[in-house]
Amino acid sequence: MEKSQWPELPVLKTQVPGPLSKRIFWEERGLRSSGTSAGSQWSELAIIDGQGCMIRDADDNFLLDACSGTVVMNIGHGNEQVARAVFEQTKRLTHFYDFPSPVRLSFLKRLKEVCPISCESFLLLNSGAEAVEAALRVARSATGRHEFVSFRNGYHGRTLGALSLTSGAGRKGLGPLIPGCYIVEAPMITGKDSQLDVSEKVSICEKGFLSTINELCTDAPAAVIIEPIQGAGGTHPIPNEFLSFLRTICDELGILLVFDEILTGAGRTGKMWAHQDSDVQPDLLIAGKGMAGGLPFGMVGGRSSIINSGNMGMPTRNSSTFGGNPVVCAAGLESIEALTTGGLIENAKKVGEFLINDLKKRLGSKSCVKDIRGRGLMIGIEIQDARTKTLISMPLVREFLIEIMKRGVVISSSSPIIRITPPLSLSMNQASWLSMNIEETIEQVLERKTH
């Protein structure tokens, strides 16, 4: 279908999900492992193509993507430049282990231009979780220490090392995890907190952090890892004061400060990196998801003296069969170009501010909406039971996601904090329509069932 023929707003020809989507879903389910995402299982939706912020299902329904395929398609669907670059590179060379290539050299140079000044060298990998694992190895190798501190409600992936840094139900039944990982409280900031509230929460968490490294760690930890805005854990922005505190303590004790920007990077928050809203620089930066136009990608960037130190700097110790392959590097080059010259980051800031404010106007008086928070096009709507003041149950979350999908909106997160993370090309018209449909679905499904 030609780009000009795609509608700006949903067009539904069948009930969603339709019969073809359901057939594909159930046939695939018989062949695929059962532990796939709750959102995909609840929806029974099969997607065949996309353009910009719109996707089309197997029944020819046009739907608004409010999740970027789980915070991946930042540059939008159907980017012609990425498709052309991937096609041309595939004709030349798809893979030759990790040997140097001109396209990877160009990609590395471009990464250095858009990453923090502390990033001189890069490990190129295949996913965010793999990049987290690599960061743990690098930190141990560079410091000679083995302990790590991360934060409650943070999310870093599903490999065993990443799970060791992640709190929540995803860890259950998978122990023992790697030893020496301590999870402490991060400041849980809401959109209603005053500066005094923020300062008090930061102070409490600072004391808890110091208590952990002084009383539980056997030495200064190798690294502290934190998301500048906690993503899967509830869209909680970490105050700049707390990031500055971590930077100071890490400098004093020789601890590496690691920013996990897998969800928050690639323009998601209205800047290339979420931490750019502070003056704090990380020692290591982890990225993935939105950096390569939908192709599998992960990276760790940092000073050469850290990345290349110790055993991990020796030949073969940080090699990857597919990491940094020519096709992904070609896609990454075009993705960075789209983000930096196509106005997407600026659009994320402008449209994100509008969407957050419009949601607050529409939802602010509803007793089931506890908070609306976020930055750019990374937005969380926290839903509570108005009677008990506790988060709503998973059956209600499921009902909300299915009902809004029937209206033509796809949201992949399956949490009482509804995450809105559309492609960064979201238009004002699409944002207004999305906000209206979120309001109407909350009224229809949640408000009458939480009183």
Protein backbone atom coordinates (compact mmCIF):
# COMPACT_ATOMS: atom_id res chain seq x y z
CA MET A 1 0.00 0.00 0.00
CA GLU A 2 1.28 3.46 -0.90
CA LYS A 3 2.31 5.69 1.99
CA SER A 4 -0.26 8.32 0.97
CA GLN A 5 -3.08 5.77 1.20
CA TRP A 6 -2.62 5.08 4.90
CA PRO A 7 -5.22 6.75 7.13
CA GLU A 8 -4.13 9.04 9.96
CA LEU A 9 -6.69 7.59 12.37
CA PRO A 10 -8.09 4.06 12.86
CA VAL A 11 -10.39 2.54 10.26
CA LEU A 12 -12.09 -0.67 11.35
CA LYS A 13 -13.63 -3.12 8.89
CA THR A 14 -14.27 -5.97 11.35
CA GLN A 15 -14.50 -6.42 15.05
CA VAL A 16 -11.00 -6.35 16.58
CA PRO A 17 -9.58 -8.94 16.74
CA GLY A 18 -11.12 -10.23 13.53
CA PRO A 19 -11.41 -13.83 12.32
CA LEU A 20 -8.12 -13.93 10.38
CA SER A 21 -6.16 -12.51 13.32
CA LYS A 22 -7.68 -15.09 15.62
CA ARG A 23 -6.91 -17.95 13.26
CA ILE A 24 -3.27 -16.90 12.90
CA PHE A 25 -2.97 -16.38 16.64
CA TRP A 26 -4.29 -19.80 17.57
CA GLU A 27 -2.34 -21.65 14.87
CA GLU A 28 0.86 -19.94 15.95
CA ARG A 29 0.16 -20.60 19.58
CA GLY A 30 0.20 -24.33 18.89
CA LEU A 31 3.77 -24.00 17.60
CA ARG A 32 5.24 -21.32 19.85
CA SER A 33 6.17 -21.30 23.53
CA SER A 34 3.44 -20.10 25.86
CA GLY A 35 5.47 -17.46 27.71
CA THR A 36 4.91 -14.65 25.22
CA SER A 37 3.74 -11.20 26.29
CA ALA A 38 0.40 -10.89 28.04
CA GLY A 39 -0.61 -8.10 25.67
CA SER A 40 -0.14 -10.25 22.59
CA GLN A 41 -2.03 -13.15 24.15
CA TRP A 42 -4.91 -11.01 25.37
CA SER A 43 -5.31 -9.25 22.04
CA GLU A 44 -5.24 -12.29 19.70
CA LEU A 45 -4.11 -9.74 17.12
CA ALA A 46 -1.97 -10.52 14.07
CA ILE A 47 -0.15 -7.53 12.51
CA ILE A 48 0.88 -7.56 8.85
CA ASP A 49 2.32 -4.10 8.12
CA GLY A 50 2.61 -0.53 9.32
CA GLN A 51 3.26 3.06 8.32
CA GLY A 52 4.22 5.84 10.69
CA CYS A 53 2.04 5.51 13.80
CA MET A 54 -0.45 3.20 12.12
CA ILE A 55 -0.46 -0.59 11.83
CA ARG A 56 -2.71 -2.93 9.86
CA ASP A 57 -3.94 -6.29 11.08
CA ALA A 58 -4.68 -9.45 9.14
CA ASP A 59 -8.34 -8.42 8.75
CA ASP A 60 -7.40 -5.11 7.08
CA ASN A 61 -8.18 -3.00 10.14
CA PHE A 62 -6.04 0.12 10.55
CA LEU A 63 -5.03 0.66 14.18
CA LEU A 64 -3.12 3.35 16.07
CA ASP A 65 0.11 2.03 17.59
CA ALA A 66 0.29 3.55 21.08
CA CYS A 67 3.24 1.40 22.18
CA SER A 68 5.78 1.47 19.30
CA GLY A 69 5.76 -2.31 19.38
CA THR A 70 6.94 -2.07 23.00
CA VAL A 71 9.10 1.04 22.72
CA VAL A 72 11.02 -0.09 19.63
CA MET A 73 9.58 1.69 16.59
CA ASN A 74 10.58 5.19 17.68
CA ILE A 75 11.10 6.29 14.06
CA GLY A 76 7.73 4.82 13.09
CA HIS A 77 6.74 1.92 10.87
CA GLY A 78 7.61 1.56 7.20
CA ASN A 79 10.60 3.90 7.08
CA GLU A 80 11.70 3.80 3.45
CA GLN A 81 15.29 4.87 4.13
CA VAL A 82 15.81 2.06 6.64
CA ALA A 83 14.20 -0.47 4.30
CA ARG A 84 16.37 0.66 1.39
CA ALA A 85 19.55 0.60 3.48
CA VAL A 86 18.79 -2.90 4.77
CA PHE A 87 18.02 -4.15 1.24
CA GLU A 88 21.18 -2.68 -0.26
CA GLN A 89 23.37 -3.96 2.56
CA THR A 90 21.84 -7.44 2.39
CA LYS A 91 22.74 -7.60 -1.30
CA ARG A 92 26.36 -6.79 -0.45
CA LEU A 93 26.99 -8.62 2.82
CA THR A 94 24.68 -9.89 5.52
CA HIS A 95 27.20 -11.34 7.94
CA PHE A 96 30.85 -12.11 8.47
CA TYR A 97 31.31 -12.61 12.22
CA ASP A 98 32.62 -9.43 13.88
CA PHE A 99 35.21 -8.51 11.26
CA PRO A 100 35.44 -4.77 10.48
CA SER A 101 33.23 -3.28 7.78
CA PRO A 102 32.80 0.22 6.33
CA VAL A 103 29.15 0.41 7.37
CA ARG A 104 29.97 -0.47 10.96
CA LEU A 105 32.74 2.12 11.06
CA SER A 106 30.27 4.75 9.87
CA PHE A 107 27.72 3.61 12.45
CA LEU A 108 30.26 3.73 15.29
CA LYS A 109 31.30 7.25 14.31
CA ARG A 110 27.65 8.32 14.27
CA LEU A 111 27.02 6.71 17.65
CA LYS A 112 29.90 8.64 19.13
CA GLU A 113 28.40 11.88 17.83
CA VAL A 114 24.99 11.33 19.43
CA CYS A 115 26.06 9.61 22.67
CA PRO A 116 27.36 11.27 25.86
CA ILE A 117 30.90 12.62 25.78
CA SER A 118 31.93 9.78 28.10
CA CYS A 119 31.25 7.25 25.30
CA GLU A 120 34.48 6.60 23.41
CA SER A 121 34.15 2.88 22.72
CA PHE A 122 31.15 0.66 22.07
CA LEU A 123 30.16 -2.96 22.46
CA LEU A 124 27.58 -3.79 19.79
CA LEU A 125 25.16 -6.57 20.72
CA ASN A 126 21.75 -8.00 19.85
CA SER A 127 19.34 -6.85 22.56
CA GLY A 128 18.98 -4.68 25.61
CA ALA A 129 19.24 -7.62 28.00
CA GLU A 130 22.43 -8.81 26.29
CA ALA A 131 23.84 -5.30 26.66
CA VAL A 132 23.02 -5.35 30.38
CA GLU A 133 24.91 -8.63 30.72
CA ALA A 134 27.87 -7.13 28.88
CA ALA A 135 27.82 -4.09 31.17
CA LEU A 136 28.01 -6.38 34.21
CA ARG A 137 31.01 -8.19 32.73
CA VAL A 138 32.73 -4.92 31.86
CA ALA A 139 32.12 -3.50 35.35
CA ARG A 140 33.55 -6.56 37.05
CA SER A 141 36.54 -6.61 34.70
CA ALA A 142 37.24 -2.87 35.08
CA THR A 143 36.93 -2.69 38.88
CA GLY A 144 37.96 -6.14 40.06
CA ARG A 145 34.81 -6.16 42.21
CA HIS A 146 31.66 -8.22 41.82
CA GLU A 147 28.73 -6.53 43.59
CA PHE A 148 26.02 -4.37 42.03
CA VAL A 149 23.30 -2.02 43.25
CA SER A 150 20.09 -1.45 41.31
CA PHE A 151 16.67 -0.03 42.18
CA ARG A 152 13.24 -1.33 43.01
CA ASN A 153 10.77 -1.02 40.13
CA GLY A 154 13.66 -0.91 37.70
CA TYR A 155 13.60 -3.31 34.78
CA HIS A 156 16.72 -4.54 32.98
CA GLY A 157 15.74 -7.69 31.08
CA ARG A 158 15.09 -11.41 31.39
CA THR A 159 18.55 -12.98 31.25
CA LEU A 160 19.72 -14.21 34.66
CA GLY A 161 22.13 -11.34 35.25
CA ALA A 162 19.55 -8.75 34.22
CA LEU A 163 16.90 -10.44 36.37
CA SER A 164 19.29 -10.27 39.32
CA LEU A 165 19.07 -6.48 39.03
CA THR A 166 15.28 -6.46 38.52
CA SER A 167 12.63 -6.62 41.22
CA GLY A 168 9.22 -8.13 40.64
CA ALA A 169 7.41 -11.30 39.73
CA GLY A 170 9.65 -12.10 36.76
CA ARG A 171 12.26 -13.52 39.15
CA LYS A 172 10.03 -16.07 40.86
CA GLY A 173 10.98 -19.70 40.36
CA LEU A 174 14.24 -18.85 38.60
CA GLY A 175 16.69 -18.71 41.50
CA PRO A 176 19.37 -18.76 42.53
CA LEU A 177 20.31 -15.62 40.64
CA ILE A 178 23.79 -14.15 40.59
CA PRO A 179 25.10 -13.25 44.06
CA GLY A 180 26.07 -9.79 45.21
CA CYS A 181 23.17 -7.88 43.66
CA TYR A 182 21.34 -5.49 45.99
CA ILE A 183 18.08 -3.77 45.08
CA VAL A 184 17.34 -0.53 46.95
CA GLU A 185 14.54 2.01 46.86
CA ALA A 186 14.47 4.74 44.23
CA PRO A 187 12.50 7.97 44.71
CA MET A 188 8.94 7.26 43.54
CA ILE A 189 7.97 10.63 42.14
CA THR A 190 4.42 11.37 41.02
CA GLY A 191 3.09 14.20 38.92
CA LYS A 192 1.48 15.67 42.04
CA ASP A 193 4.62 15.89 44.19
CA SER A 194 5.84 19.32 45.31
CA GLN A 195 9.54 20.12 45.39
CA LEU A 196 9.44 19.51 49.13
CA ASP A 197 7.93 16.07 48.53
CA VAL A 198 10.65 15.31 45.99
CA SER A 199 13.42 16.45 48.33
CA GLU A 200 12.08 14.31 51.19
CA LYS A 201 11.80 11.21 49.00
CA VAL A 202 15.29 11.75 47.61
CA SER A 203 16.74 12.14 51.11
CA ILE A 204 15.15 8.89 52.31
CA CYS A 205 16.48 6.99 49.30
CA GLU A 206 19.95 8.49 49.66
CA LYS A 207 20.12 7.17 53.21
CA GLY A 208 18.89 3.76 52.14
CA PHE A 209 21.46 3.58 49.34
CA LEU A 210 24.34 4.51 51.67
CA SER A 211 23.14 2.03 54.26
CA THR A 212 23.19 -0.75 51.67
CA ILE A 213 26.70 -0.14 50.39
CA ASN A 214 28.06 0.45 53.90
CA GLU A 215 26.37 -2.45 55.67
CA LEU A 216 25.62 -5.12 53.07
CA CYS A 217 28.26 -4.82 50.37
CA THR A 218 31.60 -6.44 51.15
CA ASP A 219 33.41 -3.64 49.31
CA ALA A 220 32.42 -0.72 47.14
CA PRO A 221 30.21 -2.27 44.46
CA ALA A 222 31.47 -2.59 40.92
CA ALA A 223 28.58 -0.57 39.54
CA VAL A 224 25.28 1.14 40.22
CA ILE A 225 22.72 0.69 37.44
CA ILE A 226 19.65 2.87 37.07
CA GLU A 227 17.09 3.96 34.47
CA PRO A 228 16.83 7.79 34.36
CA ILE A 229 13.09 7.17 34.00
CA GLN A 230 11.94 3.78 35.20
CA GLY A 231 10.03 2.27 32.31
CA ALA A 232 8.35 -1.09 32.81
CA GLY A 233 8.32 -0.42 36.55
CA GLY A 234 5.81 2.40 36.26
CA THR A 235 7.17 5.40 34.27
CA HIS A 236 8.81 6.98 37.31
CA PRO A 237 11.21 9.85 36.48
CA ILE A 238 14.29 9.78 38.71
CA PRO A 239 14.92 13.29 40.13
CA ASN A 240 18.07 15.03 38.95
CA GLU A 241 19.07 15.49 42.60
CA PHE A 242 19.22 11.75 43.08
CA LEU A 243 21.23 11.18 39.90
CA SER A 244 23.67 13.87 41.06
CA PHE A 245 23.95 12.17 44.45
CA LEU A 246 24.74 8.84 42.78
CA ARG A 247 27.36 10.51 40.58
CA THR A 248 29.06 12.03 43.63
CA ILE A 249 29.12 8.79 45.63
CA CYS A 250 30.32 6.78 42.63
CA ASP A 251 33.16 9.23 42.06
CA GLU A 252 34.17 9.13 45.71
CA LEU A 253 34.23 5.32 45.92
CA GLY A 254 35.35 4.38 42.43
CA ILE A 255 31.99 2.85 41.50
CA LEU A 256 30.85 2.84 37.87
CA LEU A 257 27.56 4.65 37.27
CA VAL A 258 25.55 2.88 34.58
CA PHE A 259 22.51 4.42 32.89
CA ASP A 260 20.12 1.92 31.34
CA GLU A 261 18.47 3.90 28.54
CA ILE A 262 17.09 0.94 26.62
CA LEU A 263 13.54 2.31 26.95
CA THR A 264 14.29 6.00 27.49
CA GLY A 265 16.86 6.54 24.73
CA ALA A 266 16.57 7.20 21.00
CA GLY A 267 14.55 10.39 21.46
CA ARG A 268 11.74 8.86 23.50
CA THR A 269 11.63 11.63 26.13
CA GLY A 270 12.12 14.62 23.81
CA LYS A 271 15.91 14.44 23.93
CA MET A 272 18.22 11.83 22.47
CA TRP A 273 18.84 10.50 26.00
CA ALA A 274 16.68 11.00 29.08
CA HIS A 275 19.69 11.79 31.28
CA GLN A 276 20.34 14.91 29.17
CA ASP A 277 17.70 16.63 31.29
CA SER A 278 20.31 16.51 34.07
CA ASP A 279 23.98 17.46 34.06
CA VAL A 280 24.98 13.94 35.11
CA GLN A 281 27.17 11.83 32.84
CA PRO A 282 27.27 8.02 33.14
CA ASP A 283 30.39 5.88 33.05
CA LEU A 284 28.54 3.33 30.94
CA LEU A 285 25.47 3.86 28.77
CA ILE A 286 23.23 0.94 27.79
CA ALA A 287 20.87 1.29 24.82
CA GLY A 288 18.81 -0.90 22.51
CA LYS A 289 15.18 -1.05 21.35
CA GLY A 290 14.61 2.14 19.32
CA MET A 291 18.12 2.55 17.94
CA ALA A 292 17.96 0.37 14.81
CA GLY A 293 14.58 0.84 13.18
CA GLY A 294 13.09 -2.37 14.57
CA LEU A 295 16.06 -4.68 14.03
CA PRO A 296 17.57 -6.47 17.08
CA PHE A 297 20.18 -4.21 18.68
CA GLY A 298 21.89 -3.53 21.97
CA MET A 299 24.97 -1.56 22.93
CA VAL A 300 27.19 -0.53 25.79
CA GLY A 301 29.12 2.71 25.44
CA GLY A 302 31.77 4.14 27.74
CA ARG A 303 35.31 5.37 28.11
CA SER A 304 37.87 3.20 26.37
CA SER A 305 39.75 2.82 29.65
CA ILE A 306 36.65 1.10 31.10
CA ILE A 307 35.34 -0.86 28.11
CA ASN A 308 38.77 -2.28 27.26
CA SER A 309 40.10 -2.92 30.73
CA GLY A 310 40.94 -6.23 32.36
CA ASN A 311 40.07 -9.63 30.93
CA MET A 312 37.12 -8.28 28.98
CA GLY A 313 39.52 -6.23 26.87
CA MET A 314 41.35 -9.34 25.72
CA PRO A 315 40.62 -10.91 22.31
CA THR A 316 37.38 -12.98 22.13
CA ARG A 317 36.23 -11.98 25.64
CA ASN A 318 33.50 -9.63 24.42
CA SER A 319 32.91 -10.92 20.91
CA SER A 320 29.40 -11.51 19.59
CA THR A 321 28.40 -13.66 16.63
CA PHE A 322 25.74 -11.28 15.36
CA GLY A 323 26.36 -8.09 17.33
CA GLY A 324 27.20 -5.14 15.08
CA ASN A 325 26.43 -7.05 11.89
CA PRO A 326 26.37 -4.98 8.69
CA VAL A 327 22.60 -5.09 8.20
CA VAL A 328 21.79 -3.79 11.69
CA CYS A 329 24.50 -1.12 11.38
CA ALA A 330 22.95 0.05 8.10
CA ALA A 331 19.55 0.25 9.77
CA GLY A 332 21.06 2.01 12.77
CA LEU A 333 22.68 4.67 10.60
CA GLU A 334 19.38 5.52 8.95
CA SER A 335 17.53 5.43 12.29
CA ILE A 336 19.91 7.94 13.85
CA GLU A 337 19.53 10.09 10.74
CA ALA A 338 15.74 10.00 11.06
CA LEU A 339 15.91 10.88 14.74
CA THR A 340 18.40 13.73 14.45
CA THR A 341 17.46 15.39 11.16
CA GLY A 342 13.83 14.40 10.66
CA GLY A 343 12.42 16.42 13.57
CA LEU A 344 11.23 13.35 15.45
CA ILE A 345 12.88 14.21 18.77
CA GLU A 346 11.49 17.73 18.68
CA ASN A 347 8.08 16.32 17.78
CA ALA A 348 8.22 13.91 20.72
CA LYS A 349 8.78 16.83 23.07
CA LYS A 350 6.04 19.04 21.59
CA VAL A 351 3.35 16.40 21.06
CA GLY A 352 4.28 14.67 24.32
CA GLU A 353 3.73 17.86 26.30
CA PHE A 354 0.36 18.33 24.60
CA LEU A 355 -0.70 14.73 25.24
CA ILE A 356 0.30 14.77 28.91
CA ASN A 357 -1.55 18.05 29.49
CA ASP A 358 -4.62 16.87 27.58
CA LEU A 359 -4.73 13.62 29.55
CA LYS A 360 -4.48 15.56 32.79
CA LYS A 361 -7.40 17.78 31.73
CA ARG A 362 -9.53 14.81 30.75
CA LEU A 363 -8.61 12.42 33.55
CA GLY A 364 -7.56 14.64 36.44
CA SER A 365 -10.94 14.55 38.17
CA LYS A 366 -11.50 10.81 37.83
CA SER A 367 -11.14 9.01 41.13
CA CYS A 368 -9.67 5.88 39.53
CA VAL A 369 -6.77 7.84 38.00
CA LYS A 370 -4.11 8.20 40.66
CA ASP A 371 -1.44 9.89 38.59
CA ILE A 372 -0.36 10.91 35.09
CA ARG A 373 3.37 11.32 34.61
CA GLY A 374 6.12 11.09 32.06
CA ARG A 375 8.29 13.04 29.67
CA GLY A 376 8.04 13.37 25.93
CA LEU A 377 6.21 10.38 24.50
CA MET A 378 6.91 8.18 27.50
CA ILE A 379 3.73 8.51 29.54
CA GLY A 380 2.26 6.51 32.40
CA ILE A 381 -1.34 6.62 33.66
CA GLU A 382 -1.60 5.00 37.09
CA ILE A 383 -5.01 3.44 37.73
CA GLN A 384 -6.30 2.65 41.21
CA ASP A 385 -9.37 1.15 42.81
CA ALA A 386 -11.06 4.25 44.23
CA ARG A 387 -12.42 2.24 47.17
CA THR A 388 -9.19 0.65 48.37
CA LYS A 389 -6.66 3.12 46.89
CA THR A 390 -4.70 0.14 45.57
CA LEU A 391 -3.69 -0.59 42.00
CA ILE A 392 -6.37 -2.22 39.88
CA SER A 393 -6.37 -5.98 39.30
CA MET A 394 -4.93 -7.66 36.22
CA PRO A 395 -8.39 -8.75 34.95
CA LEU A 396 -9.38 -5.07 34.85
CA VAL A 397 -6.14 -4.17 33.06
CA ARG A 398 -6.91 -6.87 30.51
CA GLU A 399 -10.46 -5.58 30.05
CA PHE A 400 -9.19 -2.04 29.48
CA LEU A 401 -6.59 -3.11 26.89
CA ILE A 402 -9.09 -5.25 24.98
CA GLU A 403 -11.77 -2.54 24.99
CA ILE A 404 -9.43 0.20 23.76
CA MET A 405 -8.14 -2.18 21.08
CA LYS A 406 -11.72 -2.58 19.85
CA ARG A 407 -11.67 1.19 19.33
CA GLY A 408 -8.51 0.90 17.24
CA VAL A 409 -5.70 1.52 19.77
CA VAL A 410 -2.98 -1.04 20.49
CA ILE A 411 -1.22 -0.83 23.89
CA SER A 412 1.19 -3.63 24.72
CA SER A 413 1.94 -2.97 28.39
CA SER A 414 -0.06 -5.13 30.79
CA SER A 415 0.24 -3.17 34.01
CA PRO A 416 -2.00 -1.00 36.22
CA ILE A 417 0.26 1.84 35.04
CA ILE A 418 -0.92 2.18 31.46
CA ARG A 419 2.14 3.00 29.36
CA ILE A 420 1.65 5.23 26.33
CA THR A 421 4.75 5.12 24.10
CA PRO A 422 3.74 5.72 20.46
CA PRO A 423 6.18 6.35 17.61
CA LEU A 424 7.79 9.76 17.85
CA SER A 425 6.02 10.92 14.68
CA LEU A 426 2.65 11.01 16.50
CA SER A 427 0.66 13.99 15.19
CA MET A 428 -1.36 16.42 17.26
CA ASN A 429 -4.52 15.07 15.67
CA GLN A 430 -3.58 11.50 16.57
CA ALA A 431 -2.63 12.58 20.11
CA SER A 432 -5.97 14.33 20.62
CA TRP A 433 -7.90 11.32 19.28
CA LEU A 434 -5.85 8.96 21.47
CA SER A 435 -6.46 11.06 24.59
CA MET A 436 -10.21 11.14 23.92
CA ASN A 437 -10.39 7.37 23.46
CA ILE A 438 -8.35 6.71 26.59
CA GLU A 439 -10.79 8.89 28.52
CA GLU A 440 -13.85 7.16 27.09
CA THR A 441 -12.43 3.68 27.69
CA ILE A 442 -11.49 4.51 31.28
CA GLU A 443 -15.05 5.79 31.83
CA GLN A 444 -16.57 2.71 30.22
CA VAL A 445 -14.39 0.01 31.74
CA LEU A 446 -12.59 1.29 34.84
CA GLU A 447 -14.45 4.13 36.48
CA ARG A 448 -17.71 2.25 36.95
CA LYS A 449 -15.91 -0.84 38.29
CA THR A 450 -13.62 0.83 40.81
CA HIS A 451 -16.17 2.63 42.98
